[in-house]
């Protein structure tokens, strides 16, 4: 091999090495796209927004037995859920509270304890919430607030105290 050929091959090998060194040394690291650059669809909210068209609360009286008739099993009647004695009309969310649905356990009754405990067990869906811990009581209050902003209050459970339905 002659010296001119060695210089040519050496130069041919050196040139890519210099280019790669330059790119590594002076290139900026790639950053993840910011949310504004993201091309994905925004997530659909799971929770419904507060309802601005709520009617004034009613104070119609329902016994525990009467309330049980509004569990969604009769489609001609509204679906009612009670929390801390206040009764909410949740008919517009029959896809959640209707028969066979995820929160049907609370339909037609006051299931305050179960809501406070974040439990879907039948034995917890009772009105007695006196045994809730402080943090569970806070959860129950948050549920009551959530319902108050989204569903009409149609009455109150009578003949029932927080210890009833045990």
N, C-alpha and C. Protein backbone atom coordinates (compact mmCIF):
# COMPACT_ATOMS: atom_id res chain seq x y z
N UNK A 1 0.84 -1.18 0.00
CA UNK A 1 0.00 0.00 0.00
C UNK A 1 0.88 1.24 0.00
N UNK A 2 0.50 2.16 -0.80
CA UNK A 2 1.32 3.38 -0.84
C UNK A 2 0.80 4.39 0.18
N UNK A 3 1.58 5.36 0.42
CA UNK A 3 1.27 6.35 1.46
C UNK A 3 0.07 7.21 1.10
N UNK A 4 -0.14 7.46 -0.15
CA UNK A 4 -1.28 8.27 -0.54
C UNK A 4 -2.59 7.52 -0.26
N UNK A 5 -2.60 6.22 -0.46
CA UNK A 5 -3.78 5.43 -0.20
C UNK A 5 -4.06 5.38 1.31
N UNK A 6 -3.03 5.29 2.14
CA UNK A 6 -3.19 5.29 3.59
C UNK A 6 -3.79 6.62 4.06
N UNK A 7 -3.33 7.70 3.50
CA UNK A 7 -3.86 9.01 3.87
C UNK A 7 -5.34 9.12 3.48
N UNK A 8 -5.69 8.61 2.32
CA UNK A 8 -7.08 8.66 1.86
C UNK A 8 -7.99 7.86 2.79
N UNK A 9 -7.59 6.60 3.10
CA UNK A 9 -8.39 5.78 4.01
C UNK A 9 -8.44 6.37 5.43
N UNK A 10 -7.33 6.87 5.86
CA UNK A 10 -7.28 7.49 7.19
C UNK A 10 -8.22 8.69 7.27
N UNK A 11 -8.18 9.50 6.22
CA UNK A 11 -9.04 10.67 6.17
C UNK A 11 -10.50 10.26 6.10
N UNK A 12 -10.80 9.20 5.33
CA UNK A 12 -12.17 8.72 5.20
C UNK A 12 -12.69 8.20 6.54
N UNK A 13 -11.83 7.62 7.37
CA UNK A 13 -12.24 7.16 8.68
C UNK A 13 -12.30 8.29 9.70
N UNK A 14 -11.42 9.24 9.58
CA UNK A 14 -11.34 10.34 10.52
C UNK A 14 -12.53 11.30 10.38
N UNK A 15 -12.96 11.52 9.17
CA UNK A 15 -14.05 12.47 8.93
C UNK A 15 -15.34 12.07 9.68
N UNK A 16 -15.85 10.84 9.60
CA UNK A 16 -17.05 10.49 10.37
C UNK A 16 -16.83 10.57 11.87
N UNK A 17 -15.64 10.23 12.34
CA UNK A 17 -15.36 10.33 13.77
C UNK A 17 -15.42 11.78 14.24
N UNK A 18 -14.89 12.67 13.48
CA UNK A 18 -14.95 14.09 13.84
C UNK A 18 -16.41 14.59 13.85
N UNK A 19 -17.17 14.16 12.86
CA UNK A 19 -18.57 14.57 12.79
C UNK A 19 -19.33 14.06 14.01
N UNK A 20 -19.17 12.79 14.37
CA UNK A 20 -19.86 12.23 15.52
C UNK A 20 -19.43 12.92 16.81
N UNK A 21 -18.18 13.20 16.96
CA UNK A 21 -17.68 13.91 18.15
C UNK A 21 -18.32 15.29 18.26
N UNK A 22 -18.40 15.98 17.14
CA UNK A 22 -19.02 17.30 17.12
C UNK A 22 -20.48 17.21 17.55
N UNK A 23 -21.25 16.24 16.99
CA UNK A 23 -22.67 16.09 17.31
C UNK A 23 -22.89 15.78 18.79
N UNK A 24 -22.04 14.93 19.33
CA UNK A 24 -22.18 14.57 20.74
C UNK A 24 -21.88 15.76 21.64
N UNK A 25 -20.84 16.46 21.30
CA UNK A 25 -20.42 17.57 22.14
C UNK A 25 -21.35 18.78 22.08
N UNK A 26 -21.87 19.12 20.92
CA UNK A 26 -22.62 20.36 20.76
C UNK A 26 -24.13 20.20 20.54
N UNK A 27 -24.62 19.01 20.54
CA UNK A 27 -26.07 18.85 20.35
C UNK A 27 -26.80 19.04 21.68
N UNK A 28 -28.01 19.56 21.60
CA UNK A 28 -28.85 19.77 22.78
C UNK A 28 -29.61 18.48 23.05
N UNK A 29 -29.78 18.15 24.34
CA UNK A 29 -30.56 16.93 24.64
C UNK A 29 -32.02 17.13 24.23
N UNK A 30 -32.64 16.08 23.73
CA UNK A 30 -34.05 16.16 23.33
C UNK A 30 -34.90 16.15 24.57
N UNK A 31 -35.88 17.02 24.58
CA UNK A 31 -36.80 17.11 25.71
C UNK A 31 -38.12 16.46 25.33
N UNK A 32 -38.82 15.97 26.34
CA UNK A 32 -40.15 15.40 26.11
C UNK A 32 -41.07 16.53 25.67
N UNK A 33 -42.04 16.24 24.81
CA UNK A 33 -42.95 17.30 24.37
C UNK A 33 -43.76 17.84 25.54
N UNK A 34 -43.98 19.14 25.53
CA UNK A 34 -44.80 19.76 26.56
C UNK A 34 -46.26 19.40 26.29
N UNK A 35 -47.11 19.53 27.30
CA UNK A 35 -48.52 19.19 27.09
C UNK A 35 -49.14 19.95 25.91
N UNK A 36 -48.70 21.17 25.67
CA UNK A 36 -49.26 21.94 24.56
C UNK A 36 -48.88 21.31 23.22
N UNK A 37 -47.73 20.61 23.19
CA UNK A 37 -47.29 19.99 21.95
C UNK A 37 -47.89 18.60 21.76
N UNK A 38 -48.46 18.08 22.80
CA UNK A 38 -48.99 16.72 22.74
C UNK A 38 -50.16 16.68 21.77
N UNK A 39 -50.23 15.60 21.03
CA UNK A 39 -51.29 15.47 20.04
C UNK A 39 -52.37 14.49 20.49
N UNK A 40 -52.37 14.14 21.77
CA UNK A 40 -53.39 13.24 22.27
C UNK A 40 -54.64 14.03 22.65
N UNK A 41 -55.77 13.34 22.64
CA UNK A 41 -57.03 13.99 23.03
C UNK A 41 -57.02 14.21 24.53
N UNK A 42 -57.64 15.30 25.00
CA UNK A 42 -57.74 15.49 26.45
C UNK A 42 -58.61 14.39 27.05
N UNK A 43 -58.30 14.04 28.30
CA UNK A 43 -59.05 13.00 28.97
C UNK A 43 -60.45 13.49 29.32
N UNK A 44 -61.41 12.60 29.19
CA UNK A 44 -62.78 12.93 29.55
C UNK A 44 -62.89 12.83 31.07
N UNK A 45 -63.46 13.85 31.72
CA UNK A 45 -63.55 13.80 33.18
C UNK A 45 -64.45 12.65 33.63
N UNK A 46 -64.03 11.99 34.70
CA UNK A 46 -64.80 10.88 35.24
C UNK A 46 -65.98 11.40 36.05
N UNK A 47 -65.71 12.38 36.87
CA UNK A 47 -66.75 12.94 37.74
C UNK A 47 -67.53 14.00 36.98
N UNK A 48 -68.81 14.02 37.20
CA UNK A 48 -69.61 15.04 36.56
C UNK A 48 -69.41 16.39 37.25
N UNK A 49 -69.59 17.43 36.50
CA UNK A 49 -69.42 18.79 37.03
C UNK A 49 -70.62 19.15 37.90
N UNK A 50 -70.43 20.11 38.80
CA UNK A 50 -71.57 20.57 39.61
C UNK A 50 -72.71 21.05 38.71
N UNK A 51 -73.92 20.89 39.20
CA UNK A 51 -75.13 21.25 38.46
C UNK A 51 -75.61 22.62 38.92
N UNK A 52 -75.64 23.57 38.01
CA UNK A 52 -76.06 24.93 38.35
C UNK A 52 -77.59 25.07 38.38
N UNK A 53 -78.31 24.06 37.89
CA UNK A 53 -79.77 24.15 37.79
C UNK A 53 -80.50 23.37 38.88
N UNK A 54 -79.91 23.26 40.05
CA UNK A 54 -80.55 22.51 41.13
C UNK A 54 -81.75 23.26 41.67
N UNK A 55 -82.77 22.50 42.05
CA UNK A 55 -83.96 23.08 42.67
C UNK A 55 -83.69 23.31 44.15
N UNK A 56 -84.45 24.19 44.78
CA UNK A 56 -84.29 24.36 46.23
C UNK A 56 -84.56 23.02 46.93
N UNK A 57 -83.83 22.73 48.01
CA UNK A 57 -84.04 21.46 48.72
C UNK A 57 -85.47 21.33 49.24
N UNK A 58 -86.01 20.13 49.13
CA UNK A 58 -87.33 19.83 49.68
C UNK A 58 -87.12 19.14 51.03
N UNK A 59 -88.15 19.19 51.87
CA UNK A 59 -88.04 18.50 53.15
C UNK A 59 -89.15 17.47 53.30
N UNK A 60 -89.54 16.85 52.16
CA UNK A 60 -90.54 15.78 52.22
C UNK A 60 -89.98 14.65 53.08
N UNK A 61 -90.86 14.03 53.84
CA UNK A 61 -90.45 12.96 54.76
C UNK A 61 -90.62 11.60 54.10
N UNK A 62 -89.61 10.76 54.26
CA UNK A 62 -89.64 9.37 53.78
C UNK A 62 -89.23 8.47 54.94
N UNK A 63 -89.99 7.43 55.17
CA UNK A 63 -89.55 6.43 56.14
C UNK A 63 -88.52 5.54 55.43
N UNK A 64 -87.82 4.74 56.20
CA UNK A 64 -86.85 3.81 55.62
C UNK A 64 -87.55 2.86 54.65
N UNK A 65 -88.75 2.43 55.02
CA UNK A 65 -89.52 1.51 54.18
C UNK A 65 -89.94 2.18 52.87
N UNK A 66 -90.37 3.44 52.95
CA UNK A 66 -90.76 4.17 51.74
C UNK A 66 -89.55 4.39 50.83
N UNK A 67 -88.45 4.77 51.41
CA UNK A 67 -87.23 5.02 50.64
C UNK A 67 -86.80 3.77 49.88
N UNK A 68 -86.97 2.60 50.46
CA UNK A 68 -86.57 1.34 49.83
C UNK A 68 -87.29 1.10 48.50
N UNK A 69 -88.44 1.72 48.30
CA UNK A 69 -89.20 1.55 47.06
C UNK A 69 -88.57 2.31 45.89
N UNK A 70 -87.58 3.14 46.18
CA UNK A 70 -86.96 3.98 45.16
C UNK A 70 -85.52 3.52 44.86
N UNK A 71 -85.39 2.22 44.69
CA UNK A 71 -84.06 1.65 44.46
C UNK A 71 -83.74 1.40 42.98
N UNK A 72 -84.63 1.83 42.10
CA UNK A 72 -84.41 1.67 40.67
C UNK A 72 -85.03 0.42 40.08
N UNK A 73 -85.61 -0.42 40.91
CA UNK A 73 -86.22 -1.64 40.39
C UNK A 73 -87.54 -1.37 39.66
N UNK A 74 -88.16 -0.24 39.96
CA UNK A 74 -89.39 0.19 39.28
C UNK A 74 -89.03 1.41 38.45
N UNK A 75 -88.99 1.24 37.13
CA UNK A 75 -88.54 2.34 36.26
C UNK A 75 -89.48 3.54 36.24
N UNK A 76 -90.69 3.38 36.79
CA UNK A 76 -91.62 4.52 36.84
C UNK A 76 -91.33 5.44 38.03
N UNK A 77 -90.42 5.01 38.92
CA UNK A 77 -90.08 5.81 40.10
C UNK A 77 -88.64 6.30 40.00
N UNK A 78 -88.37 7.44 40.62
CA UNK A 78 -86.98 7.93 40.61
C UNK A 78 -86.07 7.03 41.47
N UNK A 79 -84.78 7.14 41.24
CA UNK A 79 -83.80 6.44 42.07
C UNK A 79 -83.32 7.44 43.11
N UNK A 80 -83.45 7.06 44.38
CA UNK A 80 -83.07 7.95 45.48
C UNK A 80 -81.96 7.33 46.31
N UNK A 81 -81.06 8.19 46.77
CA UNK A 81 -79.95 7.80 47.64
C UNK A 81 -79.93 8.78 48.80
N UNK A 82 -79.83 8.27 50.02
CA UNK A 82 -79.76 9.16 51.19
C UNK A 82 -78.35 9.14 51.76
N UNK A 83 -77.92 10.32 52.18
CA UNK A 83 -76.64 10.48 52.87
C UNK A 83 -76.87 11.36 54.07
N UNK A 84 -76.53 10.85 55.25
CA UNK A 84 -76.72 11.57 56.50
C UNK A 84 -78.16 12.07 56.64
N UNK A 85 -79.12 11.26 56.16
CA UNK A 85 -80.54 11.59 56.30
C UNK A 85 -81.11 12.43 55.18
N UNK A 86 -80.27 13.09 54.37
CA UNK A 86 -80.76 13.87 53.23
C UNK A 86 -80.93 12.94 52.04
N UNK A 87 -82.06 13.07 51.33
CA UNK A 87 -82.36 12.18 50.21
C UNK A 87 -82.12 12.91 48.90
N UNK A 88 -81.33 12.30 48.03
CA UNK A 88 -80.96 12.88 46.74
C UNK A 88 -81.60 12.07 45.60
N UNK A 89 -82.08 12.78 44.58
CA UNK A 89 -82.61 12.13 43.39
C UNK A 89 -81.45 11.93 42.40
N UNK A 90 -81.04 10.68 42.24
CA UNK A 90 -79.88 10.36 41.37
C UNK A 90 -80.34 9.68 40.08
N UNK A 91 -81.62 9.83 39.73
CA UNK A 91 -82.18 9.17 38.56
C UNK A 91 -81.37 9.45 37.29
N UNK A 92 -80.89 10.67 37.13
CA UNK A 92 -80.16 11.01 35.91
C UNK A 92 -78.85 10.22 35.77
N UNK A 93 -78.42 9.58 36.83
CA UNK A 93 -77.23 8.73 36.78
C UNK A 93 -77.60 7.27 37.01
N UNK A 94 -78.69 6.85 36.35
CA UNK A 94 -79.13 5.45 36.49
C UNK A 94 -78.07 4.49 35.97
N UNK A 95 -77.17 4.97 35.12
CA UNK A 95 -76.08 4.13 34.64
C UNK A 95 -75.09 3.80 35.75
N UNK A 96 -75.18 4.50 36.87
CA UNK A 96 -74.30 4.27 38.02
C UNK A 96 -75.09 3.68 39.19
N UNK A 97 -76.32 4.17 39.42
CA UNK A 97 -77.10 3.78 40.59
C UNK A 97 -78.22 2.78 40.28
N UNK A 98 -78.46 2.50 39.01
CA UNK A 98 -79.53 1.57 38.63
C UNK A 98 -79.19 0.13 38.97
N UNK A 99 -80.19 -0.76 38.87
CA UNK A 99 -79.96 -2.17 39.18
C UNK A 99 -78.79 -2.77 38.39
N UNK A 100 -77.95 -3.49 39.10
CA UNK A 100 -76.79 -4.13 38.48
C UNK A 100 -75.62 -3.20 38.23
N UNK A 101 -75.72 -1.95 38.61
CA UNK A 101 -74.65 -0.99 38.37
C UNK A 101 -73.75 -0.86 39.60
N UNK A 102 -72.64 -0.16 39.44
CA UNK A 102 -71.59 -0.14 40.47
C UNK A 102 -72.03 0.41 41.83
N UNK A 103 -72.87 1.43 41.86
CA UNK A 103 -73.27 2.02 43.14
C UNK A 103 -74.73 1.73 43.50
N UNK A 104 -75.31 0.71 42.88
CA UNK A 104 -76.70 0.36 43.16
C UNK A 104 -76.89 -0.01 44.63
N UNK A 105 -75.85 -0.44 45.27
CA UNK A 105 -75.92 -0.83 46.68
C UNK A 105 -76.45 0.31 47.56
N UNK A 106 -76.29 1.56 47.12
CA UNK A 106 -76.74 2.70 47.90
C UNK A 106 -78.14 3.19 47.49
N UNK A 107 -78.69 2.65 46.43
CA UNK A 107 -80.00 3.09 45.93
C UNK A 107 -81.12 2.62 46.86
N UNK A 108 -82.03 3.53 47.16
CA UNK A 108 -83.19 3.20 47.99
C UNK A 108 -82.88 3.08 49.47
N UNK A 109 -81.76 3.63 49.89
CA UNK A 109 -81.41 3.55 51.32
C UNK A 109 -80.42 4.66 51.68
N UNK A 110 -80.18 4.77 52.96
CA UNK A 110 -79.13 5.64 53.47
C UNK A 110 -77.93 4.75 53.75
N UNK A 111 -76.93 4.85 52.93
CA UNK A 111 -75.73 4.02 53.07
C UNK A 111 -74.55 4.83 53.55
N UNK A 112 -74.80 5.76 54.45
CA UNK A 112 -73.76 6.68 54.90
C UNK A 112 -72.48 6.00 55.38
N UNK A 113 -72.61 4.95 56.16
CA UNK A 113 -71.39 4.30 56.67
C UNK A 113 -70.53 3.77 55.52
N UNK A 114 -71.16 3.11 54.57
CA UNK A 114 -70.42 2.57 53.43
C UNK A 114 -69.72 3.64 52.62
N UNK A 115 -70.39 4.77 52.44
CA UNK A 115 -69.75 5.87 51.71
C UNK A 115 -68.56 6.41 52.48
N UNK A 116 -68.72 6.58 53.78
CA UNK A 116 -67.61 7.07 54.60
C UNK A 116 -66.43 6.12 54.61
N UNK A 117 -66.73 4.82 54.56
CA UNK A 117 -65.67 3.81 54.58
C UNK A 117 -65.14 3.52 53.17
N UNK A 118 -65.74 4.12 52.16
CA UNK A 118 -65.41 3.82 50.76
C UNK A 118 -65.56 2.33 50.50
N UNK A 119 -66.67 1.79 50.99
CA UNK A 119 -66.93 0.35 50.89
C UNK A 119 -68.19 0.09 50.08
N UNK A 120 -68.13 -0.94 49.25
CA UNK A 120 -69.29 -1.37 48.49
C UNK A 120 -69.86 -2.67 49.04
N UNK A 121 -69.52 -3.00 50.27
CA UNK A 121 -70.05 -4.20 50.90
C UNK A 121 -71.46 -3.91 51.43
N UNK A 122 -72.36 -4.87 51.19
CA UNK A 122 -73.76 -4.71 51.61
C UNK A 122 -73.88 -4.40 53.10
N UNK A 123 -73.09 -5.08 53.91
CA UNK A 123 -73.21 -4.88 55.36
C UNK A 123 -72.74 -3.49 55.81
N UNK A 124 -72.03 -2.78 54.96
CA UNK A 124 -71.58 -1.42 55.30
C UNK A 124 -72.54 -0.34 54.81
N UNK A 125 -73.44 -0.68 53.89
CA UNK A 125 -74.36 0.30 53.31
C UNK A 125 -75.55 0.51 54.24
N UNK A 126 -75.27 1.12 55.38
CA UNK A 126 -76.30 1.40 56.39
C UNK A 126 -76.17 2.86 56.83
N UNK A 127 -77.21 3.33 57.49
CA UNK A 127 -77.24 4.74 57.89
C UNK A 127 -76.38 5.06 59.11
N UNK A 128 -76.08 4.06 59.93
CA UNK A 128 -75.30 4.30 61.15
C UNK A 128 -73.85 4.63 60.81
N UNK A 129 -73.51 5.88 61.01
CA UNK A 129 -72.13 6.29 60.74
C UNK A 129 -71.40 6.72 62.02
N UNK A 130 -71.96 6.35 63.17
CA UNK A 130 -71.36 6.75 64.45
C UNK A 130 -70.02 6.08 64.71
N UNK A 131 -69.74 4.98 64.04
CA UNK A 131 -68.48 4.27 64.27
C UNK A 131 -67.37 4.69 63.31
N UNK A 132 -67.66 5.65 62.45
CA UNK A 132 -66.63 6.09 61.49
C UNK A 132 -65.50 6.81 62.21
N UNK A 133 -64.29 6.60 61.70
CA UNK A 133 -63.15 7.34 62.22
C UNK A 133 -63.22 8.79 61.74
N UNK A 134 -62.35 9.61 62.25
CA UNK A 134 -62.34 11.02 61.84
C UNK A 134 -62.09 11.16 60.34
N UNK A 135 -61.16 10.37 59.82
CA UNK A 135 -60.87 10.47 58.38
C UNK A 135 -62.03 9.92 57.54
N UNK A 136 -62.70 8.87 58.02
CA UNK A 136 -63.87 8.34 57.31
C UNK A 136 -65.02 9.34 57.36
N UNK A 137 -65.16 10.04 58.47
CA UNK A 137 -66.19 11.06 58.59
C UNK A 137 -65.94 12.19 57.59
N UNK A 138 -64.68 12.52 57.39
CA UNK A 138 -64.33 13.54 56.40
C UNK A 138 -64.72 13.07 54.99
N UNK A 139 -64.48 11.80 54.69
CA UNK A 139 -64.88 11.24 53.39
C UNK A 139 -66.39 11.31 53.23
N UNK A 140 -67.13 10.94 54.28
CA UNK A 140 -68.59 11.01 54.23
C UNK A 140 -69.06 12.45 53.98
N UNK A 141 -68.46 13.40 54.67
CA UNK A 141 -68.82 14.81 54.46
C UNK A 141 -68.52 15.25 53.03
N UNK A 142 -67.43 14.74 52.47
CA UNK A 142 -67.09 15.08 51.07
C UNK A 142 -68.12 14.49 50.11
N UNK A 143 -68.58 13.26 50.38
CA UNK A 143 -69.64 12.67 49.56
C UNK A 143 -70.91 13.50 49.65
N UNK A 144 -71.28 13.92 50.85
CA UNK A 144 -72.49 14.73 51.02
C UNK A 144 -72.36 16.04 50.24
N UNK A 145 -71.20 16.66 50.33
CA UNK A 145 -70.96 17.89 49.58
C UNK A 145 -71.03 17.65 48.07
N UNK A 146 -70.42 16.56 47.62
CA UNK A 146 -70.43 16.20 46.20
C UNK A 146 -71.88 16.04 45.71
N UNK A 147 -72.69 15.27 46.44
CA UNK A 147 -74.07 15.05 46.05
C UNK A 147 -74.86 16.36 46.08
N UNK A 148 -74.63 17.19 47.10
CA UNK A 148 -75.36 18.45 47.25
C UNK A 148 -75.16 19.39 46.07
N UNK A 149 -74.03 19.26 45.41
CA UNK A 149 -73.72 20.14 44.28
C UNK A 149 -74.20 19.58 42.95
N UNK A 150 -74.67 18.32 42.94
CA UNK A 150 -75.01 17.67 41.68
C UNK A 150 -76.43 17.12 41.58
N UNK A 151 -77.04 16.84 42.72
CA UNK A 151 -78.37 16.21 42.71
C UNK A 151 -79.34 17.00 43.59
N UNK A 152 -80.60 17.00 43.18
CA UNK A 152 -81.63 17.67 43.97
C UNK A 152 -81.91 16.90 45.26
N UNK A 153 -82.02 17.66 46.34
CA UNK A 153 -82.44 17.07 47.62
C UNK A 153 -83.96 17.04 47.59
N UNK A 154 -84.54 15.83 47.71
CA UNK A 154 -85.99 15.68 47.59
C UNK A 154 -86.66 15.38 48.92
N UNK A 155 -85.89 15.23 49.97
CA UNK A 155 -86.50 14.97 51.27
C UNK A 155 -85.51 14.53 52.31
N UNK A 156 -86.08 14.06 53.42
CA UNK A 156 -85.28 13.59 54.55
C UNK A 156 -85.83 12.26 55.04
N UNK A 157 -84.94 11.43 55.53
CA UNK A 157 -85.36 10.15 56.12
C UNK A 157 -85.87 10.47 57.53
N UNK A 158 -87.07 10.00 57.85
CA UNK A 158 -87.66 10.22 59.17
C UNK A 158 -87.71 8.90 59.94
N UNK A 159 -87.81 9.04 61.26
CA UNK A 159 -87.86 7.85 62.09
C UNK A 159 -86.53 7.12 62.07
N UNK A 160 -85.50 7.85 61.72
CA UNK A 160 -84.19 7.26 61.59
C UNK A 160 -83.17 8.22 62.18
N UNK A 161 -82.27 7.68 62.92
CA UNK A 161 -81.15 8.46 63.45
C UNK A 161 -79.88 7.87 62.87
N UNK A 162 -78.72 8.44 63.14
CA UNK A 162 -77.50 7.85 62.59
C UNK A 162 -77.30 6.40 63.01
N UNK A 163 -78.02 5.93 64.03
CA UNK A 163 -77.83 4.55 64.48
C UNK A 163 -78.90 3.61 63.96
N UNK A 164 -79.82 4.11 63.14
CA UNK A 164 -80.87 3.23 62.61
C UNK A 164 -80.31 2.35 61.50
N UNK A 165 -81.09 1.39 61.09
CA UNK A 165 -80.73 0.48 59.99
C UNK A 165 -79.57 -0.43 60.31
N UNK A 166 -79.28 -0.68 61.54
CA UNK A 166 -78.16 -1.58 61.89
C UNK A 166 -78.60 -3.01 61.74
